[in-house]
Each structure stands twice: as C-alpha cells, then as structure tokens.
Amino acid sequence: MGGSKGGIEQQSLLTPEQEQAFSGLLKDFDPSMLTNMFQTSVADPARQQFQEQTLPGIQERFIAGGGSRSGAVNRAGVQAGSNLESSLSGQLATLLAQGQESSDDRRSKLATSKITENIRTAPQESPWMSLLKPVVAGAATAFGGPLGGAAASGVMNVFSKPKT
C-alpha cells in the first residue's frame, strides 16, 4: 500500500564544494592552458633575451674577430635562433608529457578513492496506513464493541508493518 521495503542507498561523503572540486580534478587534460603558461613565462622571455643579448653578442664577437662578413654573422644568428627554438620545443614537449601523465595519475587515484558509502535505509510505513488505522479501529469498535476494535487494530498492525 505504498510503503517502502527499505534497502541500500549510496550517500556521498563529500560536501557540495568538495564534489565540485572533485569533478574538476577528473576533467580531461587541457594542453592549451599549459602551453599558454609556458609561452608567457618561459618562451617569450627567452626569445626577448635572445633578441636583446644573444644576437648582439654574436655580432660583437664577429666584429671583434675582424669578421664583419654579413653571411657568417647571419648564419651564426640563425643557428643560435634554431638552437633556442629547438630547446624551447623540447622543454614544452617534456612539460606537456609530464602534465598528461600527472593528469592520468590523478584521475586514476581519484577514480579508486572512496567518495560514497552504502547506507541501509529503514522500511517506511505507507502514509495511507496511518490514516486508515484509526478509521478501521473506530469502525470495528462501533460495530463490534471494544473487543472488535482491538482485533481490528491488531489486524491493521500486521498489514501495516513495512516489508523487510
């Protein structure tokens, strides 16, 4: 008659704030965020230093050595720039690989962590039974006297017990 048998229910062990943070940690790795951070904090300053210090230093060495030929200076500058870009690319690749590995490791650990527990729920009496009990007991008392009312109450108690 609408009562519940009770059962097992999963309940979170986390607060809503913790659940939000937890779901954020489970998101896929985003290499663009790491790449942008690398560009602004590592690559751009390295390129600026190259333009302002390394290239003028190369030119000074060639001039001081008596070699002012523009071809040799240009080749040395291009080679140094190529080395810089190769180094930056390698650093970025390593950083991205570490970021992906860290993300995978974190997701693996979080996936196996205990964030819910099983709770046994108590059987619930149907709301209809709480309304019907006094009506049936009253009717039985009216028609069968006090003994009929007691018998009807006992019968209703048997039928209203939640099923386990």
N, C-alpha and C. Protein backbone atom coordinates (compact mmCIF):
# COMPACT_ATOMS: atom_id res chain seq x y z
N MET A 1 0.82 -1.20 0.00
CA MET A 1 0.00 0.00 0.00
C MET A 1 0.86 1.25 0.00
N GLY A 2 1.98 1.24 -0.65
CA GLY A 2 2.76 2.45 -0.77
C GLY A 2 3.92 2.56 0.19
N GLY A 3 4.13 1.63 1.08
CA GLY A 3 5.27 1.68 1.99
C GLY A 3 6.52 1.23 1.26
N SER A 4 7.67 1.50 1.86
CA SER A 4 8.89 1.05 1.22
C SER A 4 9.49 -0.09 2.03
N LYS A 5 10.21 -0.95 1.33
CA LYS A 5 10.83 -2.10 1.97
C LYS A 5 12.14 -1.71 2.65
N GLY A 6 12.62 -0.53 2.35
CA GLY A 6 13.94 -0.18 2.83
C GLY A 6 14.95 -0.71 1.83
N GLY A 7 16.18 -0.49 2.06
CA GLY A 7 17.17 -1.01 1.14
C GLY A 7 18.51 -0.34 1.33
N ILE A 8 19.29 -0.33 0.27
CA ILE A 8 20.64 0.24 0.30
C ILE A 8 20.65 1.48 -0.59
N GLU A 9 21.21 2.54 -0.06
CA GLU A 9 21.28 3.80 -0.79
C GLU A 9 22.71 4.31 -0.72
N GLN A 10 23.23 4.83 -1.85
CA GLN A 10 24.57 5.40 -1.84
C GLN A 10 24.49 6.86 -1.42
N GLN A 11 25.36 7.23 -0.49
CA GLN A 11 25.37 8.59 0.00
C GLN A 11 26.79 9.12 -0.13
N SER A 12 26.92 10.35 -0.62
CA SER A 12 28.23 10.96 -0.83
C SER A 12 28.87 11.30 0.51
N LEU A 13 30.16 11.14 0.57
CA LEU A 13 30.93 11.51 1.76
C LEU A 13 31.49 12.93 1.63
N LEU A 14 31.24 13.56 0.48
CA LEU A 14 31.80 14.88 0.20
C LEU A 14 30.76 15.99 0.34
N THR A 15 31.22 17.16 0.69
CA THR A 15 30.35 18.33 0.70
C THR A 15 30.12 18.76 -0.75
N PRO A 16 29.13 19.58 -1.03
CA PRO A 16 28.93 20.05 -2.42
C PRO A 16 30.18 20.75 -2.98
N GLU A 17 30.89 21.50 -2.14
CA GLU A 17 32.10 22.17 -2.61
C GLU A 17 33.18 21.16 -2.98
N GLN A 18 33.30 20.12 -2.15
CA GLN A 18 34.28 19.08 -2.43
C GLN A 18 33.91 18.31 -3.69
N GLU A 19 32.62 18.06 -3.89
CA GLU A 19 32.18 17.37 -5.10
C GLU A 19 32.51 18.18 -6.34
N GLN A 20 32.33 19.50 -6.26
CA GLN A 20 32.65 20.37 -7.40
C GLN A 20 34.14 20.32 -7.69
N ALA A 21 34.97 20.41 -6.66
CA ALA A 21 36.42 20.34 -6.84
C ALA A 21 36.82 18.97 -7.39
N PHE A 22 36.20 17.94 -6.88
CA PHE A 22 36.48 16.57 -7.32
C PHE A 22 36.18 16.40 -8.81
N SER A 23 35.03 16.91 -9.24
CA SER A 23 34.69 16.77 -10.66
C SER A 23 35.65 17.58 -11.53
N GLY A 24 36.15 18.71 -11.00
CA GLY A 24 37.14 19.48 -11.75
C GLY A 24 38.45 18.73 -11.91
N LEU A 25 38.81 17.95 -10.91
CA LEU A 25 40.05 17.17 -10.99
C LEU A 25 39.94 16.01 -11.97
N LEU A 26 38.73 15.58 -12.24
CA LEU A 26 38.53 14.46 -13.15
C LEU A 26 38.43 14.89 -14.61
N LYS A 27 38.46 16.18 -14.87
CA LYS A 27 38.36 16.65 -16.25
C LYS A 27 39.58 16.23 -17.05
N ASP A 28 39.39 16.18 -18.37
CA ASP A 28 40.49 15.82 -19.27
C ASP A 28 41.60 16.86 -19.20
N PHE A 29 42.82 16.42 -19.48
CA PHE A 29 43.99 17.29 -19.51
C PHE A 29 43.83 18.30 -20.64
N ASP A 30 44.11 19.57 -20.35
CA ASP A 30 43.99 20.64 -21.36
C ASP A 30 45.38 21.18 -21.67
N PRO A 31 46.00 20.73 -22.77
CA PRO A 31 47.36 21.17 -23.08
C PRO A 31 47.44 22.65 -23.45
N SER A 32 46.35 23.25 -23.92
CA SER A 32 46.42 24.66 -24.33
C SER A 32 46.70 25.58 -23.14
N MET A 33 46.16 25.26 -21.98
CA MET A 33 46.41 26.08 -20.79
C MET A 33 47.89 26.03 -20.41
N LEU A 34 48.46 24.85 -20.42
CA LEU A 34 49.86 24.66 -20.08
C LEU A 34 50.76 25.31 -21.14
N THR A 35 50.38 25.18 -22.40
CA THR A 35 51.15 25.79 -23.49
C THR A 35 51.16 27.31 -23.36
N ASN A 36 50.00 27.89 -23.09
CA ASN A 36 49.93 29.35 -22.93
C ASN A 36 50.79 29.82 -21.76
N MET A 37 50.75 29.09 -20.66
CA MET A 37 51.57 29.44 -19.50
C MET A 37 53.05 29.35 -19.86
N PHE A 38 53.44 28.31 -20.57
CA PHE A 38 54.84 28.14 -20.97
C PHE A 38 55.27 29.28 -21.90
N GLN A 39 54.41 29.64 -22.84
CA GLN A 39 54.76 30.71 -23.79
C GLN A 39 55.00 32.03 -23.06
N THR A 40 54.11 32.39 -22.14
CA THR A 40 54.23 33.69 -21.48
C THR A 40 55.31 33.71 -20.41
N SER A 41 55.57 32.60 -19.74
CA SER A 41 56.53 32.64 -18.63
C SER A 41 57.92 32.13 -19.00
N VAL A 42 58.05 31.35 -20.08
CA VAL A 42 59.36 30.79 -20.43
C VAL A 42 59.79 31.22 -21.84
N ALA A 43 58.99 30.87 -22.85
CA ALA A 43 59.42 31.07 -24.23
C ALA A 43 59.54 32.55 -24.61
N ASP A 44 58.53 33.35 -24.30
CA ASP A 44 58.59 34.77 -24.67
C ASP A 44 59.77 35.49 -24.02
N PRO A 45 60.01 35.31 -22.71
CA PRO A 45 61.20 35.95 -22.11
C PRO A 45 62.52 35.43 -22.72
N ALA A 46 62.58 34.14 -23.06
CA ALA A 46 63.80 33.59 -23.67
C ALA A 46 64.04 34.22 -25.04
N ARG A 47 62.99 34.37 -25.81
CA ARG A 47 63.13 34.99 -27.14
C ARG A 47 63.54 36.46 -27.03
N GLN A 48 62.95 37.14 -26.05
CA GLN A 48 63.31 38.54 -25.85
C GLN A 48 64.79 38.66 -25.45
N GLN A 49 65.24 37.81 -24.56
CA GLN A 49 66.64 37.83 -24.14
C GLN A 49 67.55 37.51 -25.34
N PHE A 50 67.11 36.59 -26.18
CA PHE A 50 67.87 36.24 -27.38
C PHE A 50 68.02 37.47 -28.28
N GLN A 51 66.92 38.17 -28.50
CA GLN A 51 66.95 39.36 -29.37
C GLN A 51 67.81 40.48 -28.78
N GLU A 52 67.70 40.67 -27.47
CA GLU A 52 68.37 41.81 -26.84
C GLU A 52 69.81 41.53 -26.43
N GLN A 53 70.17 40.27 -26.18
CA GLN A 53 71.52 39.99 -25.66
C GLN A 53 72.31 39.02 -26.54
N THR A 54 71.70 37.92 -26.93
CA THR A 54 72.46 36.89 -27.66
C THR A 54 72.85 37.36 -29.05
N LEU A 55 71.90 37.84 -29.84
CA LEU A 55 72.24 38.29 -31.20
C LEU A 55 73.27 39.42 -31.20
N PRO A 56 73.10 40.46 -30.36
CA PRO A 56 74.15 41.50 -30.33
C PRO A 56 75.50 40.93 -29.89
N GLY A 57 75.52 39.97 -28.99
CA GLY A 57 76.77 39.34 -28.56
C GLY A 57 77.45 38.61 -29.70
N ILE A 58 76.68 37.90 -30.53
CA ILE A 58 77.22 37.20 -31.70
C ILE A 58 77.84 38.22 -32.65
N GLN A 59 77.13 39.30 -32.90
CA GLN A 59 77.63 40.34 -33.82
C GLN A 59 78.93 40.96 -33.29
N GLU A 60 78.98 41.21 -32.00
CA GLU A 60 80.19 41.80 -31.39
C GLU A 60 81.38 40.87 -31.55
N ARG A 61 81.18 39.56 -31.36
CA ARG A 61 82.28 38.62 -31.48
C ARG A 61 82.83 38.58 -32.91
N PHE A 62 81.92 38.62 -33.87
CA PHE A 62 82.38 38.61 -35.25
C PHE A 62 83.13 39.90 -35.59
N ILE A 63 82.63 41.02 -35.11
CA ILE A 63 83.29 42.31 -35.37
C ILE A 63 84.64 42.34 -34.67
N ALA A 64 84.69 41.88 -33.42
CA ALA A 64 85.95 41.88 -32.66
C ALA A 64 86.97 40.95 -33.29
N GLY A 65 86.54 39.89 -33.92
CA GLY A 65 87.43 38.94 -34.56
C GLY A 65 87.83 39.37 -35.95
N GLY A 66 87.35 40.51 -36.37
CA GLY A 66 87.71 41.01 -37.69
C GLY A 66 86.84 40.44 -38.80
N GLY A 67 85.87 39.66 -38.46
CA GLY A 67 85.00 39.08 -39.49
C GLY A 67 83.67 39.80 -39.53
N SER A 68 83.57 40.75 -40.37
CA SER A 68 82.33 41.51 -40.43
C SER A 68 81.46 41.08 -41.60
N ARG A 69 81.80 39.91 -42.16
CA ARG A 69 81.00 39.45 -43.30
C ARG A 69 79.58 39.14 -42.83
N SER A 70 78.63 39.70 -43.49
CA SER A 70 77.24 39.55 -43.05
C SER A 70 76.74 38.12 -43.19
N GLY A 71 77.25 37.35 -44.14
CA GLY A 71 76.82 35.97 -44.32
C GLY A 71 77.15 35.11 -43.12
N ALA A 72 78.35 35.21 -42.63
CA ALA A 72 78.77 34.40 -41.48
C ALA A 72 78.02 34.82 -40.22
N VAL A 73 77.84 36.14 -40.04
CA VAL A 73 77.10 36.65 -38.88
C VAL A 73 75.66 36.15 -38.94
N ASN A 74 75.08 36.22 -40.10
CA ASN A 74 73.68 35.78 -40.26
C ASN A 74 73.54 34.28 -39.99
N ARG A 75 74.47 33.49 -40.52
CA ARG A 75 74.40 32.04 -40.28
C ARG A 75 74.53 31.73 -38.79
N ALA A 76 75.43 32.42 -38.11
CA ALA A 76 75.60 32.19 -36.67
C ALA A 76 74.33 32.59 -35.91
N GLY A 77 73.72 33.69 -36.30
CA GLY A 77 72.48 34.13 -35.66
C GLY A 77 71.34 33.16 -35.91
N VAL A 78 71.25 32.68 -37.15
CA VAL A 78 70.19 31.72 -37.49
C VAL A 78 70.41 30.41 -36.74
N GLN A 79 71.66 29.96 -36.67
CA GLN A 79 71.95 28.71 -35.94
C GLN A 79 71.60 28.86 -34.47
N ALA A 80 71.95 29.99 -33.86
CA ALA A 80 71.64 30.22 -32.44
C ALA A 80 70.13 30.28 -32.23
N GLY A 81 69.42 30.96 -33.15
CA GLY A 81 67.95 31.02 -33.05
C GLY A 81 67.32 29.65 -33.20
N SER A 82 67.86 28.85 -34.11
CA SER A 82 67.36 27.50 -34.31
C SER A 82 67.58 26.65 -33.06
N ASN A 83 68.76 26.79 -32.46
CA ASN A 83 69.04 26.05 -31.22
C ASN A 83 68.07 26.46 -30.11
N LEU A 84 67.81 27.76 -30.01
CA LEU A 84 66.87 28.25 -28.98
C LEU A 84 65.49 27.64 -29.19
N GLU A 85 64.98 27.72 -30.40
CA GLU A 85 63.64 27.19 -30.69
C GLU A 85 63.57 25.68 -30.47
N SER A 86 64.63 24.97 -30.84
CA SER A 86 64.67 23.53 -30.62
C SER A 86 64.63 23.21 -29.12
N SER A 87 65.39 23.98 -28.37
CA SER A 87 65.41 23.78 -26.91
C SER A 87 64.04 24.08 -26.30
N LEU A 88 63.41 25.19 -26.73
CA LEU A 88 62.09 25.55 -26.21
C LEU A 88 61.05 24.49 -26.57
N SER A 89 61.12 23.98 -27.79
CA SER A 89 60.18 22.93 -28.21
C SER A 89 60.34 21.68 -27.37
N GLY A 90 61.58 21.30 -27.09
CA GLY A 90 61.84 20.13 -26.25
C GLY A 90 61.33 20.32 -24.84
N GLN A 91 61.55 21.52 -24.29
CA GLN A 91 61.06 21.80 -22.94
C GLN A 91 59.54 21.75 -22.89
N LEU A 92 58.89 22.32 -23.91
CA LEU A 92 57.43 22.30 -23.94
C LEU A 92 56.90 20.87 -24.08
N ALA A 93 57.54 20.09 -24.94
CA ALA A 93 57.10 18.69 -25.12
C ALA A 93 57.23 17.92 -23.81
N THR A 94 58.32 18.11 -23.09
CA THR A 94 58.51 17.44 -21.80
C THR A 94 57.45 17.88 -20.80
N LEU A 95 57.20 19.18 -20.77
CA LEU A 95 56.20 19.73 -19.85
C LEU A 95 54.81 19.18 -20.14
N LEU A 96 54.46 19.10 -21.42
CA LEU A 96 53.14 18.57 -21.80
C LEU A 96 53.02 17.08 -21.47
N ALA A 97 54.08 16.33 -21.71
CA ALA A 97 54.06 14.89 -21.39
C ALA A 97 53.91 14.69 -19.88
N GLN A 98 54.63 15.50 -19.09
CA GLN A 98 54.51 15.40 -17.64
C GLN A 98 53.11 15.80 -17.17
N GLY A 99 52.54 16.83 -17.80
CA GLY A 99 51.19 17.27 -17.46
C GLY A 99 50.16 16.19 -17.74
N GLN A 100 50.28 15.53 -18.90
CA GLN A 100 49.35 14.46 -19.25
C GLN A 100 49.51 13.29 -18.29
N GLU A 101 50.74 12.93 -17.99
CA GLU A 101 50.99 11.81 -17.07
C GLU A 101 50.45 12.13 -15.68
N SER A 102 50.67 13.34 -15.23
CA SER A 102 50.17 13.76 -13.92
C SER A 102 48.64 13.72 -13.88
N SER A 103 48.01 14.18 -14.95
CA SER A 103 46.55 14.17 -15.03
C SER A 103 46.02 12.74 -15.02
N ASP A 104 46.64 11.87 -15.79
CA ASP A 104 46.21 10.47 -15.83
C ASP A 104 46.37 9.81 -14.47
N ASP A 105 47.50 10.08 -13.81
CA ASP A 105 47.77 9.51 -12.50
C ASP A 105 46.74 10.00 -11.48
N ARG A 106 46.46 11.31 -11.50
CA ARG A 106 45.49 11.89 -10.57
C ARG A 106 44.10 11.29 -10.80
N ARG A 107 43.71 11.18 -12.05
CA ARG A 107 42.39 10.62 -12.36
C ARG A 107 42.29 9.16 -11.92
N SER A 108 43.37 8.42 -12.09
CA SER A 108 43.39 7.01 -11.68
C SER A 108 43.24 6.90 -10.16
N LYS A 109 43.95 7.72 -9.43
CA LYS A 109 43.87 7.68 -7.97
C LYS A 109 42.50 8.13 -7.48
N LEU A 110 41.96 9.17 -8.10
CA LEU A 110 40.65 9.67 -7.67
C LEU A 110 39.54 8.69 -8.00
N ALA A 111 39.69 7.98 -9.11
CA ALA A 111 38.66 7.02 -9.51
C ALA A 111 38.55 5.87 -8.52
N THR A 112 39.63 5.57 -7.81
CA THR A 112 39.58 4.47 -6.86
C THR A 112 39.39 4.94 -5.42
N SER A 113 39.27 6.24 -5.22
CA SER A 113 39.08 6.73 -3.86
C SER A 113 37.62 6.58 -3.42
N LYS A 114 37.43 6.46 -2.14
CA LYS A 114 36.09 6.25 -1.59
C LYS A 114 35.41 7.60 -1.38
N ILE A 115 34.39 7.87 -2.20
CA ILE A 115 33.66 9.13 -2.06
C ILE A 115 32.19 8.91 -1.71
N THR A 116 31.78 7.66 -1.72
CA THR A 116 30.40 7.35 -1.33
C THR A 116 30.44 6.16 -0.38
N GLU A 117 29.36 6.02 0.35
CA GLU A 117 29.21 4.84 1.19
C GLU A 117 27.77 4.35 1.07
N ASN A 118 27.59 3.07 1.28
CA ASN A 118 26.26 2.49 1.22
C ASN A 118 25.59 2.64 2.58
N ILE A 119 24.38 3.15 2.56
CA ILE A 119 23.59 3.37 3.78
C ILE A 119 22.34 2.49 3.68
N ARG A 120 22.08 1.75 4.73
CA ARG A 120 20.85 0.94 4.76
C ARG A 120 19.72 1.85 5.20
N THR A 121 18.67 1.88 4.41
CA THR A 121 17.51 2.71 4.75
C THR A 121 16.47 1.86 5.45
N ALA A 122 15.82 2.44 6.42
CA ALA A 122 14.81 1.74 7.21
C ALA A 122 13.52 1.63 6.41
N PRO A 123 12.78 0.55 6.61
CA PRO A 123 11.48 0.43 5.95
C PRO A 123 10.55 1.56 6.41
N GLN A 124 9.73 2.03 5.52
CA GLN A 124 8.81 3.13 5.82
C GLN A 124 7.36 2.65 5.70
N GLU A 125 6.57 3.06 6.65
CA GLU A 125 5.15 2.73 6.63
C GLU A 125 4.46 3.62 5.61
N SER A 126 3.49 3.07 4.94
CA SER A 126 2.72 3.84 3.98
C SER A 126 1.94 4.95 4.69
N PRO A 127 1.89 6.14 4.13
CA PRO A 127 1.09 7.21 4.75
C PRO A 127 -0.40 6.85 4.80
N TRP A 128 -0.83 6.00 3.89
CA TRP A 128 -2.24 5.60 3.88
C TRP A 128 -2.59 4.78 5.12
N MET A 129 -1.63 3.96 5.55
CA MET A 129 -1.90 3.11 6.71
C MET A 129 -2.10 3.96 7.97
N SER A 130 -1.35 5.04 8.10
CA SER A 130 -1.51 5.88 9.29
C SER A 130 -2.89 6.55 9.29
N LEU A 131 -3.47 6.76 8.11
CA LEU A 131 -4.81 7.33 8.03
C LEU A 131 -5.90 6.26 8.24
N LEU A 132 -5.63 5.06 7.73
CA LEU A 132 -6.64 4.00 7.79
C LEU A 132 -6.75 3.34 9.16
N LYS A 133 -5.65 3.28 9.92
CA LYS A 133 -5.68 2.59 11.21
C LYS A 133 -6.78 3.13 12.12
N PRO A 134 -6.85 4.42 12.39
CA PRO A 134 -7.90 4.90 13.30
C PRO A 134 -9.30 4.70 12.72
N VAL A 135 -9.45 4.80 11.39
CA VAL A 135 -10.77 4.64 10.79
C VAL A 135 -11.24 3.20 10.96
N VAL A 136 -10.38 2.25 10.66
CA VAL A 136 -10.75 0.83 10.78
C VAL A 136 -11.00 0.47 12.25
N ALA A 137 -10.14 0.94 13.14
CA ALA A 137 -10.31 0.64 14.57
C ALA A 137 -11.61 1.26 15.06
N GLY A 138 -11.93 2.47 14.64
CA GLY A 138 -13.18 3.13 15.05
C GLY A 138 -14.39 2.40 14.53
N ALA A 139 -14.34 1.99 13.27
CA ALA A 139 -15.47 1.26 12.69
C ALA A 139 -15.65 -0.08 13.38
N ALA A 140 -14.57 -0.76 13.67
CA ALA A 140 -14.67 -2.06 14.33
C ALA A 140 -15.21 -1.91 15.74
N THR A 141 -14.83 -0.85 16.44
CA THR A 141 -15.34 -0.60 17.78
C THR A 141 -16.83 -0.30 17.72
N ALA A 142 -17.24 0.48 16.71
CA ALA A 142 -18.65 0.84 16.58
C ALA A 142 -19.49 -0.38 16.28
N PHE A 143 -18.99 -1.30 15.47
CA PHE A 143 -19.79 -2.44 15.09
C PHE A 143 -19.57 -3.66 15.98
N GLY A 144 -18.37 -3.76 16.56
CA GLY A 144 -18.08 -4.98 17.31
C GLY A 144 -17.74 -4.73 18.76
N GLY A 145 -17.89 -3.53 19.24
CA GLY A 145 -17.56 -3.23 20.63
C GLY A 145 -16.05 -3.12 20.81
N PRO A 146 -15.62 -2.99 22.08
CA PRO A 146 -14.19 -2.82 22.35
C PRO A 146 -13.35 -4.00 21.88
N LEU A 147 -13.88 -5.20 21.96
CA LEU A 147 -13.12 -6.36 21.53
C LEU A 147 -12.92 -6.35 20.01
N GLY A 148 -13.90 -5.94 19.26
CA GLY A 148 -13.80 -5.84 17.80
C GLY A 148 -12.79 -4.78 17.40
N GLY A 149 -12.76 -3.66 18.14
CA GLY A 149 -11.80 -2.58 17.85
C GLY A 149 -10.38 -3.05 18.08
N ALA A 150 -10.15 -3.80 19.17
CA ALA A 150 -8.81 -4.31 19.48
C ALA A 150 -8.37 -5.31 18.42
N ALA A 151 -9.28 -6.17 18.00
CA ALA A 151 -8.95 -7.16 16.98
C ALA A 151 -8.62 -6.47 15.65
N ALA A 152 -9.41 -5.45 15.30
CA ALA A 152 -9.16 -4.73 14.05
C ALA A 152 -7.82 -4.01 14.09
N SER A 153 -7.46 -3.45 15.26
CA SER A 153 -6.16 -2.78 15.39
C SER A 153 -5.03 -3.77 15.20
N GLY A 154 -5.17 -4.95 15.76
CA GLY A 154 -4.13 -5.97 15.61
C GLY A 154 -3.98 -6.39 14.16
N VAL A 155 -5.09 -6.58 13.46
CA VAL A 155 -5.05 -6.96 12.05
C VAL A 155 -4.40 -5.85 11.23
N MET A 156 -4.74 -4.59 11.51
CA MET A 156 -4.15 -3.46 10.78
C MET A 156 -2.65 -3.36 11.05
N ASN A 157 -2.23 -3.65 12.27
CA ASN A 157 -0.80 -3.60 12.60
C ASN A 157 -0.03 -4.65 11.79
N VAL A 158 -0.64 -5.82 11.61
CA VAL A 158 0.02 -6.88 10.85
C VAL A 158 0.17 -6.43 9.39
N PHE A 159 -0.88 -5.83 8.82
CA PHE A 159 -0.82 -5.42 7.42
C PHE A 159 0.00 -4.15 7.21
N SER A 160 0.15 -3.35 8.25
CA SER A 160 0.86 -2.08 8.06
C SER A 160 2.35 -2.17 8.33
N LYS A 161 2.83 -3.31 8.83
CA LYS A 161 4.25 -3.46 9.08
C LYS A 161 5.00 -3.37 7.75
N PRO A 162 6.02 -2.55 7.72
CA PRO A 162 6.80 -2.48 6.49
C PRO A 162 7.45 -3.82 6.18
N LYS A 163 7.51 -4.13 4.91
CA LYS A 163 8.13 -5.39 4.49
C LYS A 163 9.64 -5.22 4.50
N THR A 164 10.33 -6.19 5.04
CA THR A 164 11.80 -6.09 5.10
C THR A 164 12.45 -7.06 4.15
